[in-house]
């Protein structure tokens, strides 16, 4: 199964698949509005603004798996846009761990993080940098979205 065939239901109700983003460098992040790491939204949006017109996108996946996400799509959308000014695409709420995990996360969690660990999502704001060639890099929740390693990978893999 390739990532591109996986269906995504966007926060606005539109249905697409990951192929919509296959020509971009994509930073996939499981987000939660009431998490102590939610200030990362600000940095995620800065990355979107800086690199969005060059073949990059943040793709947010709201999740209540750690009991820190708002209850409705409307509440999530309102919170993100009014509090953080987010413009990057986001999906409907998903599960990121366990039997009901979204198929994208079932695939992404097979990748190892910088500590060499694969498997379950540890917390909100875990990051997966998916390159146009399909290569995936995984980063811990506490790794800032503008970490030098992430920036280096984004810039090195932007389409020409």
N, C-alpha and C. Protein backbone atom coordinates (compact mmCIF):
# COMPACT_ATOMS: atom_id res chain seq x y z
N UNK A 1 0.85 -1.18 0.00
CA UNK A 1 0.00 0.00 0.00
C UNK A 1 0.89 1.24 0.00
N UNK A 2 0.62 2.13 -0.92
CA UNK A 2 1.38 3.38 -0.95
C UNK A 2 0.60 4.46 -0.21
N UNK A 3 1.33 5.41 0.32
CA UNK A 3 0.69 6.52 1.02
C UNK A 3 -0.29 7.26 0.12
N UNK A 4 0.05 7.37 -1.16
CA UNK A 4 -0.76 8.16 -2.09
C UNK A 4 -2.19 7.66 -2.24
N UNK A 5 -2.43 6.38 -2.01
CA UNK A 5 -3.77 5.83 -2.18
C UNK A 5 -4.65 6.03 -0.94
N UNK A 6 -4.08 6.50 0.15
CA UNK A 6 -4.83 6.61 1.40
C UNK A 6 -5.77 7.80 1.39
N UNK A 7 -7.01 7.53 1.74
CA UNK A 7 -8.06 8.55 1.73
C UNK A 7 -7.92 9.49 2.92
N UNK A 8 -8.20 10.77 2.67
CA UNK A 8 -8.18 11.79 3.71
C UNK A 8 -9.51 12.53 3.67
N UNK A 9 -10.15 12.67 4.83
CA UNK A 9 -11.33 13.51 4.93
C UNK A 9 -10.89 14.80 5.59
N UNK A 10 -10.94 15.87 4.83
CA UNK A 10 -10.43 17.15 5.30
C UNK A 10 -11.39 17.79 6.30
N UNK A 11 -10.87 18.73 7.06
CA UNK A 11 -11.64 19.39 8.11
C UNK A 11 -12.90 20.05 7.56
N UNK A 12 -12.83 20.50 6.29
CA UNK A 12 -14.00 21.15 5.68
C UNK A 12 -14.98 20.14 5.07
N UNK A 13 -14.72 18.84 5.24
CA UNK A 13 -15.60 17.79 4.73
C UNK A 13 -15.23 17.25 3.38
N UNK A 14 -14.32 17.91 2.68
CA UNK A 14 -13.87 17.45 1.36
C UNK A 14 -13.10 16.13 1.52
N UNK A 15 -13.31 15.20 0.60
CA UNK A 15 -12.59 13.93 0.62
C UNK A 15 -11.57 13.93 -0.50
N UNK A 16 -10.35 13.54 -0.16
CA UNK A 16 -9.26 13.47 -1.13
C UNK A 16 -8.40 12.28 -0.74
N UNK A 17 -7.19 12.22 -1.30
CA UNK A 17 -6.25 11.21 -0.84
C UNK A 17 -4.86 11.85 -0.76
N UNK A 18 -3.93 11.12 -0.20
CA UNK A 18 -2.60 11.68 0.03
C UNK A 18 -1.90 12.05 -1.28
N UNK A 19 -2.34 11.47 -2.39
CA UNK A 19 -1.74 11.79 -3.69
C UNK A 19 -1.86 13.27 -4.02
N UNK A 20 -2.86 13.96 -3.45
CA UNK A 20 -3.01 15.40 -3.67
C UNK A 20 -1.73 16.15 -3.27
N UNK A 21 -0.99 15.58 -2.34
CA UNK A 21 0.21 16.23 -1.81
C UNK A 21 1.50 15.55 -2.25
N UNK A 22 1.40 14.57 -3.15
CA UNK A 22 2.56 13.72 -3.48
C UNK A 22 3.71 14.45 -4.15
N UNK A 23 3.46 15.61 -4.73
CA UNK A 23 4.55 16.35 -5.37
C UNK A 23 5.18 17.37 -4.41
N UNK A 24 4.79 17.32 -3.15
CA UNK A 24 5.28 18.29 -2.16
C UNK A 24 6.09 17.59 -1.07
N UNK A 25 6.86 18.39 -0.35
CA UNK A 25 7.42 17.96 0.93
C UNK A 25 6.30 18.21 1.94
N UNK A 26 5.88 17.17 2.65
CA UNK A 26 4.72 17.26 3.54
C UNK A 26 5.16 16.99 4.98
N UNK A 27 4.84 17.92 5.86
CA UNK A 27 5.09 17.74 7.28
C UNK A 27 3.76 17.33 7.91
N UNK A 28 3.61 16.03 8.18
CA UNK A 28 2.41 15.46 8.77
C UNK A 28 2.55 15.57 10.29
N UNK A 29 1.54 16.17 10.94
CA UNK A 29 1.61 16.39 12.39
C UNK A 29 0.26 16.05 13.01
N UNK A 30 0.28 15.21 14.06
CA UNK A 30 -0.96 14.98 14.82
C UNK A 30 -1.07 16.11 15.85
N UNK A 31 -2.13 16.88 15.72
CA UNK A 31 -2.28 18.10 16.51
C UNK A 31 -3.42 17.96 17.52
N UNK A 32 -3.38 18.81 18.54
CA UNK A 32 -4.44 18.86 19.54
C UNK A 32 -4.49 20.26 20.13
N UNK A 33 -5.68 20.82 20.15
CA UNK A 33 -5.88 22.21 20.54
C UNK A 33 -5.57 22.51 22.00
N UNK A 34 -5.77 21.55 22.87
CA UNK A 34 -5.61 21.79 24.31
C UNK A 34 -4.32 21.18 24.87
N UNK A 35 -3.37 20.92 24.01
CA UNK A 35 -2.10 20.34 24.42
C UNK A 35 -1.11 21.44 24.80
N UNK A 36 -0.25 21.15 25.74
CA UNK A 36 0.80 22.10 26.11
C UNK A 36 1.75 22.40 24.97
N UNK A 37 1.78 21.55 23.96
CA UNK A 37 2.64 21.78 22.79
C UNK A 37 1.92 22.56 21.69
N UNK A 38 0.66 22.97 21.93
CA UNK A 38 -0.09 23.66 20.88
C UNK A 38 0.54 24.97 20.39
N UNK A 39 1.43 25.64 21.16
CA UNK A 39 2.12 26.78 20.57
C UNK A 39 2.93 26.42 19.31
N UNK A 40 3.17 25.12 19.08
CA UNK A 40 3.85 24.72 17.84
C UNK A 40 3.03 25.09 16.61
N UNK A 41 1.71 25.28 16.77
CA UNK A 41 0.89 25.74 15.65
C UNK A 41 1.48 26.99 15.01
N UNK A 42 1.97 27.90 15.85
CA UNK A 42 2.52 29.16 15.34
C UNK A 42 3.71 28.90 14.42
N UNK A 43 4.60 28.02 14.83
CA UNK A 43 5.78 27.70 14.02
C UNK A 43 5.38 26.91 12.78
N UNK A 44 4.42 26.01 12.92
CA UNK A 44 3.95 25.26 11.75
C UNK A 44 3.40 26.23 10.70
N UNK A 45 2.65 27.23 11.13
CA UNK A 45 2.11 28.21 10.19
C UNK A 45 3.22 29.05 9.56
N UNK A 46 4.25 29.38 10.33
CA UNK A 46 5.39 30.13 9.76
C UNK A 46 6.06 29.31 8.66
N UNK A 47 6.22 28.01 8.89
CA UNK A 47 6.80 27.15 7.86
C UNK A 47 5.90 27.12 6.62
N UNK A 48 4.59 27.03 6.84
CA UNK A 48 3.65 27.01 5.72
C UNK A 48 3.78 28.29 4.89
N UNK A 49 3.87 29.41 5.57
CA UNK A 49 3.98 30.69 4.85
C UNK A 49 5.32 30.82 4.13
N UNK A 50 6.39 30.34 4.77
CA UNK A 50 7.72 30.49 4.19
C UNK A 50 7.93 29.57 2.97
N UNK A 51 7.46 28.33 3.07
CA UNK A 51 7.77 27.34 2.04
C UNK A 51 6.56 26.89 1.21
N UNK A 52 5.36 27.32 1.59
CA UNK A 52 4.13 26.83 0.94
C UNK A 52 4.08 27.04 -0.56
N UNK A 53 4.61 28.16 -1.04
CA UNK A 53 4.57 28.40 -2.49
C UNK A 53 5.76 27.78 -3.22
N UNK A 54 6.58 27.03 -2.47
CA UNK A 54 7.76 26.39 -3.07
C UNK A 54 7.65 24.87 -3.11
N UNK A 55 6.46 24.32 -2.81
CA UNK A 55 6.30 22.87 -2.88
C UNK A 55 6.34 22.19 -1.53
N UNK A 56 5.87 22.86 -0.51
CA UNK A 56 5.84 22.31 0.85
C UNK A 56 4.45 22.55 1.43
N UNK A 57 4.02 21.65 2.30
CA UNK A 57 2.82 21.91 3.08
C UNK A 57 2.89 21.20 4.42
N UNK A 58 2.31 21.83 5.41
CA UNK A 58 2.01 21.17 6.67
C UNK A 58 0.66 20.49 6.45
N UNK A 59 0.48 19.32 6.99
CA UNK A 59 -0.80 18.63 6.94
C UNK A 59 -1.13 18.19 8.36
N UNK A 60 -2.11 18.87 8.97
CA UNK A 60 -2.47 18.61 10.35
C UNK A 60 -3.54 17.54 10.48
N UNK A 61 -3.34 16.66 11.45
CA UNK A 61 -4.29 15.59 11.76
C UNK A 61 -4.75 15.74 13.21
N UNK A 62 -5.85 16.47 13.45
CA UNK A 62 -6.34 16.57 14.82
C UNK A 62 -6.65 15.19 15.38
N UNK A 63 -6.27 14.99 16.63
CA UNK A 63 -6.52 13.70 17.28
C UNK A 63 -6.86 13.93 18.74
N UNK A 64 -7.85 13.20 19.20
CA UNK A 64 -8.21 13.24 20.61
C UNK A 64 -7.70 12.00 21.33
N UNK A 65 -6.75 11.32 20.74
CA UNK A 65 -6.24 10.08 21.30
C UNK A 65 -5.62 10.32 22.69
N UNK A 66 -5.13 11.53 22.92
CA UNK A 66 -4.54 11.86 24.22
C UNK A 66 -5.45 12.79 25.02
N UNK A 67 -6.73 12.83 24.61
CA UNK A 67 -7.79 13.56 25.32
C UNK A 67 -7.53 15.05 25.45
N UNK A 68 -7.00 15.65 24.36
CA UNK A 68 -6.70 17.08 24.39
C UNK A 68 -7.21 17.83 23.16
N UNK A 69 -8.12 17.22 22.41
CA UNK A 69 -8.65 17.90 21.23
C UNK A 69 -10.11 18.28 21.45
N UNK A 70 -10.51 19.33 20.79
CA UNK A 70 -11.88 19.82 20.88
C UNK A 70 -12.84 18.81 20.24
N UNK A 71 -14.13 18.98 20.52
CA UNK A 71 -15.09 17.94 20.15
C UNK A 71 -15.55 17.98 18.69
N UNK A 72 -15.58 19.15 18.06
CA UNK A 72 -16.13 19.20 16.70
C UNK A 72 -15.13 19.81 15.71
N UNK A 73 -15.36 19.49 14.44
CA UNK A 73 -14.53 20.06 13.38
C UNK A 73 -14.61 21.58 13.37
N UNK A 74 -15.81 22.11 13.59
CA UNK A 74 -15.99 23.56 13.61
C UNK A 74 -15.18 24.19 14.74
N UNK A 75 -15.23 23.59 15.93
CA UNK A 75 -14.48 24.12 17.07
C UNK A 75 -12.98 24.08 16.81
N UNK A 76 -12.50 22.99 16.21
CA UNK A 76 -11.08 22.85 15.89
C UNK A 76 -10.68 23.93 14.87
N UNK A 77 -11.48 24.05 13.82
CA UNK A 77 -11.18 25.04 12.78
C UNK A 77 -11.18 26.46 13.35
N UNK A 78 -12.18 26.78 14.13
CA UNK A 78 -12.26 28.12 14.73
C UNK A 78 -11.07 28.39 15.64
N UNK A 79 -10.75 27.43 16.50
CA UNK A 79 -9.62 27.60 17.42
C UNK A 79 -8.32 27.83 16.66
N UNK A 80 -8.05 26.97 15.69
CA UNK A 80 -6.78 27.06 14.96
C UNK A 80 -6.66 28.35 14.16
N UNK A 81 -7.74 28.74 13.51
CA UNK A 81 -7.65 29.95 12.69
C UNK A 81 -7.64 31.22 13.53
N UNK A 82 -8.44 31.28 14.60
CA UNK A 82 -8.48 32.52 15.39
C UNK A 82 -7.32 32.64 16.37
N UNK A 83 -6.86 31.51 16.93
CA UNK A 83 -5.78 31.57 17.91
C UNK A 83 -4.41 31.60 17.25
N UNK A 84 -4.23 30.81 16.20
CA UNK A 84 -2.90 30.66 15.59
C UNK A 84 -2.84 31.14 14.15
N UNK A 85 -3.95 31.50 13.56
CA UNK A 85 -3.95 31.97 12.17
C UNK A 85 -3.59 30.91 11.16
N UNK A 86 -3.90 29.66 11.46
CA UNK A 86 -3.49 28.58 10.58
C UNK A 86 -4.21 28.63 9.23
N UNK A 87 -3.44 28.34 8.20
CA UNK A 87 -3.98 28.26 6.84
C UNK A 87 -3.67 26.91 6.19
N UNK A 88 -2.82 26.12 6.83
CA UNK A 88 -2.45 24.83 6.23
C UNK A 88 -3.61 23.84 6.33
N UNK A 89 -3.65 22.85 5.42
CA UNK A 89 -4.75 21.90 5.41
C UNK A 89 -4.74 21.00 6.65
N UNK A 90 -5.96 20.67 7.09
CA UNK A 90 -6.13 19.77 8.22
C UNK A 90 -7.25 18.79 7.90
N UNK A 91 -7.15 17.61 8.49
CA UNK A 91 -8.16 16.57 8.29
C UNK A 91 -9.17 16.60 9.43
N UNK A 92 -10.20 15.79 9.27
CA UNK A 92 -11.11 15.52 10.38
C UNK A 92 -10.30 14.82 11.48
N UNK A 93 -10.86 14.76 12.68
CA UNK A 93 -10.18 14.07 13.78
C UNK A 93 -9.94 12.62 13.42
N UNK A 94 -8.77 12.13 13.79
CA UNK A 94 -8.40 10.74 13.52
C UNK A 94 -7.79 10.12 14.78
N UNK A 95 -7.72 8.80 14.76
CA UNK A 95 -6.94 8.09 15.76
C UNK A 95 -5.56 7.84 15.15
N UNK A 96 -4.53 7.95 15.97
CA UNK A 96 -3.17 7.77 15.47
C UNK A 96 -2.52 6.49 16.00
N UNK A 97 -3.15 5.85 16.97
CA UNK A 97 -2.63 4.61 17.55
C UNK A 97 -3.74 3.56 17.62
N UNK A 98 -3.31 2.31 17.71
CA UNK A 98 -4.25 1.22 17.95
C UNK A 98 -4.96 0.72 16.72
N UNK A 99 -5.96 -0.13 16.97
CA UNK A 99 -6.68 -0.79 15.88
C UNK A 99 -7.42 0.19 14.98
N UNK A 100 -7.89 1.28 15.54
CA UNK A 100 -8.64 2.24 14.75
C UNK A 100 -7.80 3.36 14.18
N UNK A 101 -6.49 3.19 14.21
CA UNK A 101 -5.60 4.24 13.69
C UNK A 101 -5.87 4.50 12.21
N UNK A 102 -5.80 5.77 11.84
CA UNK A 102 -5.94 6.13 10.43
C UNK A 102 -4.89 5.35 9.63
N UNK A 103 -5.24 4.84 8.46
CA UNK A 103 -4.29 4.05 7.66
C UNK A 103 -2.97 4.79 7.38
N UNK A 104 -3.00 6.11 7.25
CA UNK A 104 -1.76 6.85 7.04
C UNK A 104 -0.84 6.69 8.24
N UNK A 105 -1.42 6.80 9.44
CA UNK A 105 -0.60 6.63 10.64
C UNK A 105 -0.15 5.19 10.83
N UNK A 106 -0.97 4.23 10.41
CA UNK A 106 -0.55 2.83 10.47
C UNK A 106 0.71 2.62 9.64
N UNK A 107 0.81 3.34 8.53
CA UNK A 107 2.01 3.25 7.67
C UNK A 107 3.16 4.08 8.23
N UNK A 108 2.88 5.33 8.59
CA UNK A 108 3.95 6.23 9.03
C UNK A 108 4.66 5.75 10.29
N UNK A 109 3.92 5.13 11.20
CA UNK A 109 4.53 4.72 12.47
C UNK A 109 5.49 3.54 12.32
N UNK A 110 5.58 2.98 11.14
CA UNK A 110 6.60 1.95 10.89
C UNK A 110 7.99 2.57 10.77
N UNK A 111 8.05 3.88 10.57
CA UNK A 111 9.32 4.59 10.43
C UNK A 111 9.92 4.90 11.79
N UNK A 112 11.24 4.88 11.86
CA UNK A 112 11.95 5.15 13.11
C UNK A 112 12.19 6.64 13.30
N UNK A 113 12.16 7.07 14.56
CA UNK A 113 12.47 8.47 14.87
C UNK A 113 13.98 8.64 15.02
N UNK A 114 14.40 9.85 15.42
CA UNK A 114 15.83 10.13 15.53
C UNK A 114 16.51 9.29 16.61
N UNK A 115 15.73 8.70 17.52
CA UNK A 115 16.29 7.80 18.55
C UNK A 115 16.27 6.35 18.10
N UNK A 116 15.81 6.10 16.87
CA UNK A 116 15.78 4.75 16.33
C UNK A 116 14.55 3.94 16.72
N UNK A 117 13.51 4.60 17.23
CA UNK A 117 12.31 3.90 17.69
C UNK A 117 11.17 4.10 16.69
N UNK A 118 10.50 3.00 16.40
CA UNK A 118 9.29 3.06 15.57
C UNK A 118 8.11 2.68 16.45
N UNK A 119 6.94 2.64 15.85
CA UNK A 119 5.76 2.22 16.61
C UNK A 119 4.88 3.38 17.01
N UNK A 120 4.15 3.16 18.07
CA UNK A 120 3.09 4.08 18.51
C UNK A 120 3.52 5.54 18.57
N UNK A 121 2.54 6.41 18.29
CA UNK A 121 2.73 7.85 18.47
C UNK A 121 2.83 8.09 19.97
N UNK A 122 3.84 8.84 20.37
CA UNK A 122 4.08 9.05 21.80
C UNK A 122 3.19 10.13 22.40
N UNK A 123 2.88 11.16 21.62
CA UNK A 123 2.13 12.30 22.13
C UNK A 123 1.70 13.16 20.96
N UNK A 124 0.94 14.19 21.26
CA UNK A 124 0.54 15.15 20.23
C UNK A 124 1.77 15.84 19.64
N UNK A 125 1.65 16.26 18.42
CA UNK A 125 2.67 17.02 17.69
C UNK A 125 3.90 16.18 17.32
N UNK A 126 3.72 14.87 17.18
CA UNK A 126 4.77 14.05 16.58
C UNK A 126 4.76 14.37 15.09
N UNK A 127 5.94 14.41 14.49
CA UNK A 127 6.06 14.90 13.12
C UNK A 127 6.66 13.85 12.19
N UNK A 128 6.10 13.80 10.98
CA UNK A 128 6.61 12.95 9.91
C UNK A 128 6.83 13.84 8.70
N UNK A 129 8.05 13.90 8.23
CA UNK A 129 8.37 14.67 7.04
C UNK A 129 8.40 13.68 5.87
N UNK A 130 7.43 13.82 4.97
CA UNK A 130 7.29 12.91 3.83
C UNK A 130 7.78 13.62 2.59
N UNK A 131 8.77 13.04 1.96
CA UNK A 131 9.38 13.63 0.77
C UNK A 131 8.61 13.22 -0.49
N UNK A 132 8.74 14.00 -1.57
CA UNK A 132 8.06 13.64 -2.82
C UNK A 132 8.44 12.24 -3.32
N UNK A 133 9.63 11.76 -2.98
CA UNK A 133 10.05 10.43 -3.42
C UNK A 133 9.54 9.33 -2.48
N UNK A 134 8.77 9.71 -1.43
CA UNK A 134 8.21 8.73 -0.51
C UNK A 134 9.02 8.48 0.74
N UNK A 135 10.24 8.98 0.79
CA UNK A 135 11.06 8.78 1.98
C UNK A 135 10.44 9.55 3.15
N UNK A 136 10.49 8.94 4.35
CA UNK A 136 9.85 9.51 5.54
C UNK A 136 10.88 9.68 6.65
N UNK A 137 10.82 10.84 7.29
CA UNK A 137 11.64 11.13 8.47
C UNK A 137 10.70 11.42 9.62
N UNK A 138 11.01 10.85 10.79
CA UNK A 138 10.13 10.97 11.95
C UNK A 138 10.81 11.77 13.05
N UNK A 139 10.02 12.65 13.69
CA UNK A 139 10.55 13.51 14.75
C UNK A 139 9.62 13.51 15.96
N UNK A 140 10.22 13.53 17.13
CA UNK A 140 9.50 13.49 18.40
C UNK A 140 8.60 14.71 18.58
N UNK A 141 7.56 14.58 19.41
CA UNK A 141 6.65 15.70 19.66
C UNK A 141 7.35 16.97 20.15
N UNK A 142 8.38 16.81 20.96
CA UNK A 142 9.06 17.99 21.50
C UNK A 142 10.06 18.60 20.54
N UNK A 143 10.34 17.93 19.42
CA UNK A 143 11.19 18.53 18.40
C UNK A 143 10.42 19.67 17.76
N UNK A 144 10.97 20.85 17.80
CA UNK A 144 10.29 22.02 17.26
C UNK A 144 10.17 21.90 15.74
N UNK A 145 9.06 22.38 15.18
CA UNK A 145 8.88 22.28 13.73
C UNK A 145 9.97 22.97 12.92
N UNK A 146 10.63 23.98 13.51
CA UNK A 146 11.71 24.67 12.80
C UNK A 146 13.09 24.22 13.27
N UNK A 147 13.16 23.00 13.80
CA UNK A 147 14.44 22.41 14.18
C UNK A 147 15.37 22.43 12.97
N UNK A 148 16.65 22.73 13.16
CA UNK A 148 17.57 22.80 12.01
C UNK A 148 17.56 21.55 11.13
N UNK A 149 17.41 20.37 11.72
CA UNK A 149 17.39 19.14 10.91
C UNK A 149 16.15 19.11 10.01
N UNK A 150 15.01 19.52 10.53
CA UNK A 150 13.79 19.56 9.73
C UNK A 150 13.93 20.58 8.60
N UNK A 151 14.42 21.77 8.92
CA UNK A 151 14.61 22.81 7.91
C UNK A 151 15.57 22.35 6.82
N UNK A 152 16.65 21.72 7.22
CA UNK A 152 17.63 21.22 6.25
C UNK A 152 16.98 20.22 5.29
N UNK A 153 16.17 19.31 5.83
CA UNK A 153 15.50 18.32 5.00
C UNK A 153 14.46 18.96 4.08
N UNK A 154 13.71 19.92 4.60
CA UNK A 154 12.71 20.61 3.76
C UNK A 154 13.42 21.28 2.60
N UNK A 155 14.43 22.08 2.90
CA UNK A 155 15.10 22.85 1.85
C UNK A 155 15.81 21.97 0.84
N UNK A 156 16.36 20.86 1.28
CA UNK A 156 17.07 19.97 0.37
C UNK A 156 16.14 19.19 -0.55
N UNK A 157 14.86 19.11 -0.18
CA UNK A 157 13.94 18.26 -0.94
C UNK A 157 12.80 19.02 -1.61
N UNK A 158 12.84 20.34 -1.57
CA UNK A 158 11.81 21.10 -2.26
C UNK A 158 11.92 20.88 -3.76
N UNK A 159 10.77 20.70 -4.41
CA UNK A 159 10.81 20.54 -5.87
C UNK A 159 11.41 21.79 -6.52
N UNK A 160 12.02 21.60 -7.66
CA UNK A 160 12.63 22.74 -8.36
C UNK A 160 11.62 23.57 -9.09
